[in-house]
């Protein structure tokens, strides 16, 4: 039986049954009906007592402000992004109190929104201001800032015509970023990759990405590599991939069928420094077959929160000598130094109170 204490608070037995309903031999269980919003909120808030908060702040245009209580970090169930996947997103890194490449990510974010036919409820300068204020309110010095544009809440139909206004959400994710120095294993994904229209748009339809990642984990690998229908290397589930050939060329796949990663583009800007030092022969984008890629001397993932992750094995075969490559780490150092002390055009100081 479900019971309530005289004070109106949820008793421990009730609280446990709400979180994990008791099931009898027939598979039946009794579902609790919350008597008020206050009762539900109290239970959700109690779940966070004494625990670290991985999401110290959220912004919601539906609420019209910044939320610091994780129990209230919610999205309406009738939001078109929730039930139809009609939304786009992007991420910027928070490092030592700076936002790294926020403007570059925000520009790509709005390009994705245009492709998805979503009109922002705010102009770009306002979105930027909201994200800076959100980061400041979170008091987070290291982590990620992720944000979404949705067609908005309204109804459960296929068309967004019943959604009166688009919605903007953002959340700060507390995460202690550190340079990746250990190599990982990857596999070739058997999950079909997205068509170019959807692959080049950073939208929330990530089921192929999820299944590709799960496939890798099921096979004991860290992640996977997509190969396009022409047999050329594409990308990872949520990162770009790069190669250093035995001739010391840095090559990233063309971005015509995959997402143009902001960090990958920044790497292409920074890597010529190694050419000037005589450590690399060339830096370019181009097509690579699977055989050419597997024959590379070094291989790596490139992404915002990495920014470089060395790859030492692919389909159980070693890349190069099977160890983290010297040039991989040199490229990682370039990006890491850019995050730590790069130009003001790349790093935005957060005005914490």
Protein backbone atom coordinates (compact mmCIF):
# COMPACT_ATOMS: atom_id res chain seq x y z
CA UNK A 1 0.00 0.00 0.00
CA UNK A 2 1.07 3.57 -0.66
CA UNK A 3 0.76 5.82 2.34
CA UNK A 4 1.37 9.46 3.19
CA UNK A 5 2.78 10.87 6.41
CA UNK A 6 0.59 13.26 8.43
CA UNK A 7 2.93 16.12 7.54
CA UNK A 8 2.19 15.63 3.84
CA UNK A 9 5.78 14.66 2.95
CA UNK A 10 6.56 11.53 0.96
CA UNK A 11 7.49 8.62 3.22
CA UNK A 12 10.61 6.59 2.37
CA UNK A 13 8.55 3.61 1.17
CA UNK A 14 6.48 5.84 -1.09
CA UNK A 15 9.58 7.59 -2.37
CA UNK A 16 11.16 4.25 -3.30
CA UNK A 17 7.98 3.10 -5.06
CA UNK A 18 7.78 6.33 -7.05
CA UNK A 19 11.34 5.91 -8.32
CA UNK A 20 11.09 2.12 -8.82
CA UNK A 21 7.45 0.87 -8.74
CA UNK A 22 6.96 -2.52 -7.08
CA UNK A 23 6.00 -5.28 -9.52
CA UNK A 24 4.05 -8.38 -8.47
CA UNK A 25 4.09 -11.83 -10.09
CA UNK A 26 1.64 -10.70 -12.78
CA UNK A 27 3.79 -7.74 -13.74
CA UNK A 28 1.31 -5.25 -12.28
CA UNK A 29 2.39 -2.25 -10.29
CA UNK A 30 0.67 0.68 -8.64
CA UNK A 31 1.54 4.11 -10.06
CA UNK A 32 1.71 7.03 -7.69
CA UNK A 33 -0.38 10.11 -8.51
CA UNK A 34 1.28 13.32 -7.37
CA UNK A 35 -1.19 15.55 -5.57
CA UNK A 36 0.62 18.78 -6.41
CA UNK A 37 3.56 20.30 -8.22
CA UNK A 38 5.09 21.04 -4.82
CA UNK A 39 5.14 17.33 -3.89
CA UNK A 40 6.87 16.36 -7.15
CA UNK A 41 9.35 19.23 -6.92
CA UNK A 42 10.18 18.34 -3.32
CA UNK A 43 10.96 14.76 -4.29
CA UNK A 44 13.12 15.84 -7.24
CA UNK A 45 15.03 18.33 -5.10
CA UNK A 46 15.65 15.74 -2.39
CA UNK A 47 17.33 13.49 -4.97
CA UNK A 48 20.10 16.12 -5.32
CA UNK A 49 20.77 16.63 -1.61
CA UNK A 50 24.43 15.95 -0.84
CA UNK A 51 25.25 15.18 -4.48
CA UNK A 52 27.40 17.16 -6.93
CA UNK A 53 25.45 19.01 -9.59
CA UNK A 54 26.86 18.15 -13.03
CA UNK A 55 24.58 20.79 -14.60
CA UNK A 56 25.05 23.96 -12.52
CA UNK A 57 22.84 26.20 -14.71
CA UNK A 58 20.32 26.07 -17.55
CA UNK A 59 18.61 28.70 -19.69
CA UNK A 60 15.12 28.25 -21.11
CA UNK A 61 13.34 30.76 -23.33
CA UNK A 62 10.11 29.00 -22.32
CA UNK A 63 10.72 30.04 -18.70
CA UNK A 64 12.42 33.24 -19.79
CA UNK A 65 15.50 33.00 -17.58
CA UNK A 66 18.37 31.07 -16.00
CA UNK A 67 17.62 28.08 -13.77
CA UNK A 68 20.02 27.01 -11.00
CA UNK A 69 17.87 24.23 -9.51
CA UNK A 70 18.53 20.95 -11.39
CA UNK A 71 15.06 19.73 -10.43
CA UNK A 72 13.60 22.44 -12.67
CA UNK A 73 15.84 21.83 -15.71
CA UNK A 74 13.09 20.49 -17.95
CA UNK A 75 11.77 20.77 -21.51
CA UNK A 76 8.04 20.59 -22.40
CA UNK A 77 6.99 17.15 -23.65
CA UNK A 78 5.15 18.72 -26.59
CA UNK A 79 8.27 20.50 -27.80
CA UNK A 80 8.76 19.61 -31.46
CA UNK A 81 12.41 18.77 -30.71
CA UNK A 82 11.34 16.15 -28.17
CA UNK A 83 8.77 14.17 -30.12
CA UNK A 84 9.80 14.89 -33.73
CA UNK A 85 13.53 15.59 -33.47
CA UNK A 86 13.02 19.04 -34.97
CA UNK A 87 15.93 20.85 -33.39
CA UNK A 88 19.61 21.72 -33.76
CA UNK A 89 22.39 22.10 -31.22
CA UNK A 90 26.01 23.03 -30.72
CA UNK A 91 28.66 23.07 -27.99
CA UNK A 92 31.41 25.39 -26.83
CA UNK A 93 34.14 24.55 -24.33
CA UNK A 94 34.56 26.38 -21.01
CA UNK A 95 38.23 26.35 -20.07
CA UNK A 96 39.81 28.21 -17.15
CA UNK A 97 36.98 30.74 -17.14
CA UNK A 98 37.05 31.36 -20.90
CA UNK A 99 34.61 30.30 -23.59
CA UNK A 100 36.59 28.78 -26.45
CA UNK A 101 35.44 29.45 -30.04
CA UNK A 102 31.94 30.50 -28.95
CA UNK A 103 31.37 32.77 -31.96
CA UNK A 104 32.49 30.11 -34.43
CA UNK A 105 30.17 27.52 -32.88
CA UNK A 106 27.30 29.99 -32.65
CA UNK A 107 27.61 30.85 -36.36
CA UNK A 108 27.48 27.15 -37.29
CA UNK A 109 24.53 26.74 -34.91
CA UNK A 110 22.51 29.33 -36.80
CA UNK A 111 23.49 27.83 -40.16
CA UNK A 112 22.15 24.49 -38.92
CA UNK A 113 18.95 26.19 -37.75
CA UNK A 114 18.44 27.74 -41.20
CA UNK A 115 18.79 24.31 -42.84
CA UNK A 116 16.28 22.89 -40.34
CA UNK A 117 13.88 25.79 -41.06
CA UNK A 118 13.93 26.99 -37.46
CA UNK A 119 13.88 30.73 -36.79
CA UNK A 120 15.67 31.80 -33.64
CA UNK A 121 13.54 33.65 -31.06
CA UNK A 122 16.50 36.02 -30.59
CA UNK A 123 19.08 37.64 -32.89
CA UNK A 124 22.65 36.30 -32.73
CA UNK A 125 23.98 39.03 -30.38
CA UNK A 126 21.21 38.22 -27.88
CA UNK A 127 21.91 34.49 -28.05
CA UNK A 128 25.58 35.25 -27.42
CA UNK A 129 24.75 37.46 -24.44
CA UNK A 130 22.46 34.81 -22.94
CA UNK A 131 25.18 32.16 -23.22
CA UNK A 132 27.78 34.39 -21.60
CA UNK A 133 25.43 35.31 -18.74
CA UNK A 134 24.48 31.65 -18.29
CA UNK A 135 28.13 30.61 -18.02
CA UNK A 136 28.80 33.39 -15.51
CA UNK A 137 25.78 32.39 -13.40
CA UNK A 138 26.91 28.75 -13.39
CA UNK A 139 30.28 29.71 -11.84
CA UNK A 140 31.74 26.80 -13.85
CA UNK A 141 35.40 27.29 -14.88
CA UNK A 142 35.85 24.03 -16.80
CA UNK A 143 33.27 22.17 -18.78
CA UNK A 144 30.99 22.53 -21.76
CA UNK A 145 28.23 24.89 -22.81
CA UNK A 146 25.60 23.11 -24.91
CA UNK A 147 22.66 24.86 -26.52
CA UNK A 148 19.63 24.00 -28.66
CA UNK A 149 17.18 25.71 -30.98
CA UNK A 150 13.84 23.97 -31.30
CA UNK A 151 10.71 24.57 -33.35
CA UNK A 152 9.18 24.95 -29.89
CA UNK A 153 6.28 23.52 -27.89
CA UNK A 154 2.73 23.51 -29.22
CA UNK A 155 1.23 20.14 -30.09
CA UNK A 156 2.13 16.58 -31.11
CA UNK A 157 1.56 16.88 -34.85
CA UNK A 158 4.15 16.32 -37.55
CA UNK A 159 4.07 19.88 -38.82
CA UNK A 160 5.44 22.65 -36.55
CA UNK A 161 2.59 24.93 -37.69
CA UNK A 162 0.98 24.51 -34.27
CA UNK A 163 4.14 25.63 -32.45
CA UNK A 164 3.63 29.38 -32.00
CA UNK A 165 7.24 30.20 -31.14
CA UNK A 166 10.63 28.55 -31.41
CA UNK A 167 12.54 27.79 -28.22
CA UNK A 168 16.14 28.26 -27.12
CA UNK A 169 17.65 26.10 -24.39
CA UNK A 170 21.18 25.96 -23.02
CA UNK A 171 22.92 24.10 -20.21
CA UNK A 172 26.34 24.29 -18.58
CA UNK A 173 27.96 20.88 -18.04
CA UNK A 174 30.60 20.73 -15.33
CA UNK A 175 33.46 18.60 -16.63
CA UNK A 176 37.16 18.62 -15.80
CA UNK A 177 38.74 18.71 -19.26
CA UNK A 178 42.24 17.32 -19.64
CA UNK A 179 44.54 16.59 -22.55
CA UNK A 180 44.07 13.09 -24.00
CA UNK A 181 47.40 11.25 -24.06
CA UNK A 182 46.32 7.61 -24.15
CA UNK A 183 45.44 5.91 -27.42
CA UNK A 184 42.10 4.20 -28.10
CA UNK A 185 40.78 1.47 -30.37
CA UNK A 186 38.13 1.96 -33.07
CA UNK A 187 36.11 -0.20 -35.48
CA UNK A 188 34.50 0.39 -38.86
CA UNK A 189 30.81 1.07 -38.27
CA UNK A 190 28.18 -1.08 -39.97
CA UNK A 191 25.46 1.43 -39.12
CA UNK A 192 24.52 3.47 -42.24
CA UNK A 193 25.72 7.05 -41.98
CA UNK A 194 23.44 10.05 -42.50
CA UNK A 195 22.85 11.57 -45.91
CA UNK A 196 24.86 14.76 -46.60
CA UNK A 197 21.89 17.05 -45.89
CA UNK A 198 21.57 15.77 -42.33
CA UNK A 199 25.25 15.00 -41.74
CA UNK A 200 26.28 18.58 -42.50
CA UNK A 201 23.54 19.98 -40.24
CA UNK A 202 24.18 19.60 -36.48
CA UNK A 203 20.67 18.41 -35.66
CA UNK A 204 19.36 16.38 -32.73
CA UNK A 205 18.60 13.28 -34.83
CA UNK A 206 21.49 11.25 -33.43
CA UNK A 207 20.08 7.72 -33.47
CA UNK A 208 22.57 6.53 -36.15
CA UNK A 209 25.35 8.10 -34.09
CA UNK A 210 24.13 6.41 -30.91
CA UNK A 211 23.86 2.99 -32.56
CA UNK A 212 27.29 3.39 -34.11
CA UNK A 213 28.78 4.21 -30.71
CA UNK A 214 26.96 1.31 -29.04
CA UNK A 215 28.22 -1.06 -31.73
CA UNK A 216 31.79 0.00 -30.97
CA UNK A 217 31.37 -0.43 -27.23
CA UNK A 218 29.81 -3.87 -27.71
CA UNK A 219 32.96 -4.90 -29.59
CA UNK A 220 35.29 -3.54 -26.92
CA UNK A 221 36.29 -0.42 -28.86
CA UNK A 222 36.18 3.22 -27.82
CA UNK A 223 34.32 4.43 -30.91
CA UNK A 224 33.77 3.83 -34.61
CA UNK A 225 34.56 5.20 -38.06
CA UNK A 226 32.01 5.79 -40.80
CA UNK A 227 32.91 5.04 -44.42
CA UNK A 228 30.76 6.64 -47.12
CA UNK A 229 29.06 4.84 -50.02
CA UNK A 230 32.05 5.55 -52.29
CA UNK A 231 34.42 3.87 -49.85
CA UNK A 232 36.02 7.04 -48.50
CA UNK A 233 36.61 7.83 -44.83
CA UNK A 234 33.91 10.09 -43.36
CA UNK A 235 33.90 10.74 -39.60
CA UNK A 236 33.29 9.30 -36.15
CA UNK A 237 29.89 9.26 -34.42
CA UNK A 238 30.34 12.79 -33.02
CA UNK A 239 33.89 13.80 -33.96
CA UNK A 240 36.03 14.34 -37.02
CA UNK A 241 38.95 12.07 -37.82
CA UNK A 242 42.42 13.00 -39.05
CA UNK A 243 45.46 11.12 -40.34
CA UNK A 244 49.20 11.65 -40.57
CA UNK A 245 50.53 9.72 -43.56
CA UNK A 246 53.90 8.01 -43.70
CA UNK A 247 54.97 10.95 -45.89
CA UNK A 248 54.10 13.25 -42.95
CA UNK A 249 51.02 14.83 -44.50
CA UNK A 250 48.14 15.77 -42.20
CA UNK A 251 44.91 14.89 -44.01
CA UNK A 252 41.30 15.39 -42.91
CA UNK A 253 38.39 14.10 -45.03
CA UNK A 254 36.51 16.62 -47.17
CA UNK A 255 33.60 18.27 -45.32
CA UNK A 256 31.08 17.98 -48.18
CA UNK A 257 29.32 14.92 -46.69
CA UNK A 258 30.12 15.34 -43.00
CA UNK A 259 29.93 18.00 -40.33
CA UNK A 260 32.58 20.68 -40.64
CA UNK A 261 33.95 20.48 -37.12
CA UNK A 262 34.94 23.81 -35.61
CA UNK A 263 37.92 22.22 -33.87
CA UNK A 264 38.91 20.40 -37.06
CA UNK A 265 38.87 23.69 -38.96
CA UNK A 266 40.94 25.32 -36.23
CA UNK A 267 43.43 22.44 -36.44
CA UNK A 268 43.82 23.12 -40.16
CA UNK A 269 44.65 26.74 -39.29
CA UNK A 270 47.20 25.83 -36.60
CA UNK A 271 48.90 22.78 -38.13
CA UNK A 272 50.94 24.77 -40.72
CA UNK A 273 53.12 25.80 -37.76
CA UNK A 274 54.47 22.23 -37.82
CA UNK A 275 55.09 22.58 -41.56
CA UNK A 276 57.16 25.69 -40.85
CA UNK A 277 59.14 23.69 -38.28
CA UNK A 278 59.78 20.94 -40.82
CA UNK A 279 57.85 18.36 -38.79
CA UNK A 280 54.96 18.07 -41.28
CA UNK A 281 55.25 18.13 -45.05
CA UNK A 282 51.71 19.33 -45.82
CA UNK A 283 48.26 20.02 -44.32
CA UNK A 284 45.14 19.46 -46.40
CA UNK A 285 41.69 17.94 -46.80
CA UNK A 286 41.13 15.08 -49.22
CA UNK A 287 39.58 11.71 -49.91
CA UNK A 288 41.09 8.67 -48.23
CA UNK A 289 40.14 5.06 -48.90
CA UNK A 290 39.99 2.61 -46.02
CA UNK A 291 43.24 0.97 -47.15
CA UNK A 292 45.00 4.34 -47.38
CA UNK A 293 43.69 5.38 -43.97
CA UNK A 294 44.65 2.13 -42.27
CA UNK A 295 48.11 2.50 -43.78
CA UNK A 296 48.61 5.88 -42.12
CA UNK A 297 51.40 6.41 -39.64
CA UNK A 298 49.10 8.13 -37.11
CA UNK A 299 45.38 8.61 -36.63
CA UNK A 300 43.27 10.72 -34.28
CA UNK A 301 39.80 11.97 -33.45
CA UNK A 302 39.30 15.75 -33.43
CA UNK A 303 36.49 17.37 -31.43
CA UNK A 304 35.64 20.27 -29.15
CA UNK A 305 35.88 18.48 -25.81
CA UNK A 306 38.94 16.36 -26.68
CA UNK A 307 40.41 18.28 -28.60
CA UNK A 308 42.65 15.47 -29.96
CA UNK A 309 42.19 11.79 -29.07
CA UNK A 310 44.93 9.47 -30.40
CA UNK A 311 43.81 6.26 -32.16
CA UNK A 312 46.22 3.32 -32.04
CA UNK A 313 44.13 0.41 -33.37
CA UNK A 314 41.42 0.03 -36.03
CA UNK A 315 39.49 -3.22 -36.51
CA UNK A 316 42.07 -4.94 -34.30
CA UNK A 317 44.93 -3.81 -36.55
CA UNK A 318 47.56 -1.36 -35.26
CA UNK A 319 47.81 2.13 -36.69
CA UNK A 320 51.48 2.81 -37.42
CA UNK A 321 53.50 1.10 -34.69
CA UNK A 322 50.44 0.78 -32.44
CA UNK A 323 51.51 3.61 -30.12
CA UNK A 324 50.47 7.23 -29.71
CA UNK A 325 52.25 9.19 -32.43
CA UNK A 326 54.66 12.05 -31.85
CA UNK A 327 52.93 14.29 -34.41
CA UNK A 328 49.51 13.48 -32.94
CA UNK A 329 50.66 14.87 -29.62
CA UNK A 330 52.31 17.86 -31.30
CA UNK A 331 48.97 18.68 -32.94
CA UNK A 332 47.22 18.16 -29.61
CA UNK A 333 49.67 20.59 -28.00
CA UNK A 334 48.83 23.22 -30.63
CA UNK A 335 45.12 23.03 -29.91
CA UNK A 336 45.64 22.81 -26.16
CA UNK A 337 47.85 25.90 -26.17
CA UNK A 338 45.23 27.67 -28.27
CA UNK A 339 42.62 26.87 -25.61
CA UNK A 340 44.91 28.03 -22.80
CA UNK A 341 46.43 31.17 -24.26
CA UNK A 342 45.14 31.67 -27.79
CA UNK A 343 44.05 35.01 -29.30
CA UNK A 344 41.03 36.94 -28.05
CA UNK A 345 39.21 36.03 -31.26
CA UNK A 346 39.19 32.42 -30.00
CA UNK A 347 38.84 32.89 -26.24
CA UNK A 348 36.12 34.96 -24.56
CA UNK A 349 36.61 35.87 -20.90
CA UNK A 350 33.51 35.07 -18.82
CA UNK A 351 32.52 37.91 -16.44
CA UNK A 352 32.00 35.87 -13.27
CA UNK A 353 30.68 37.84 -10.32
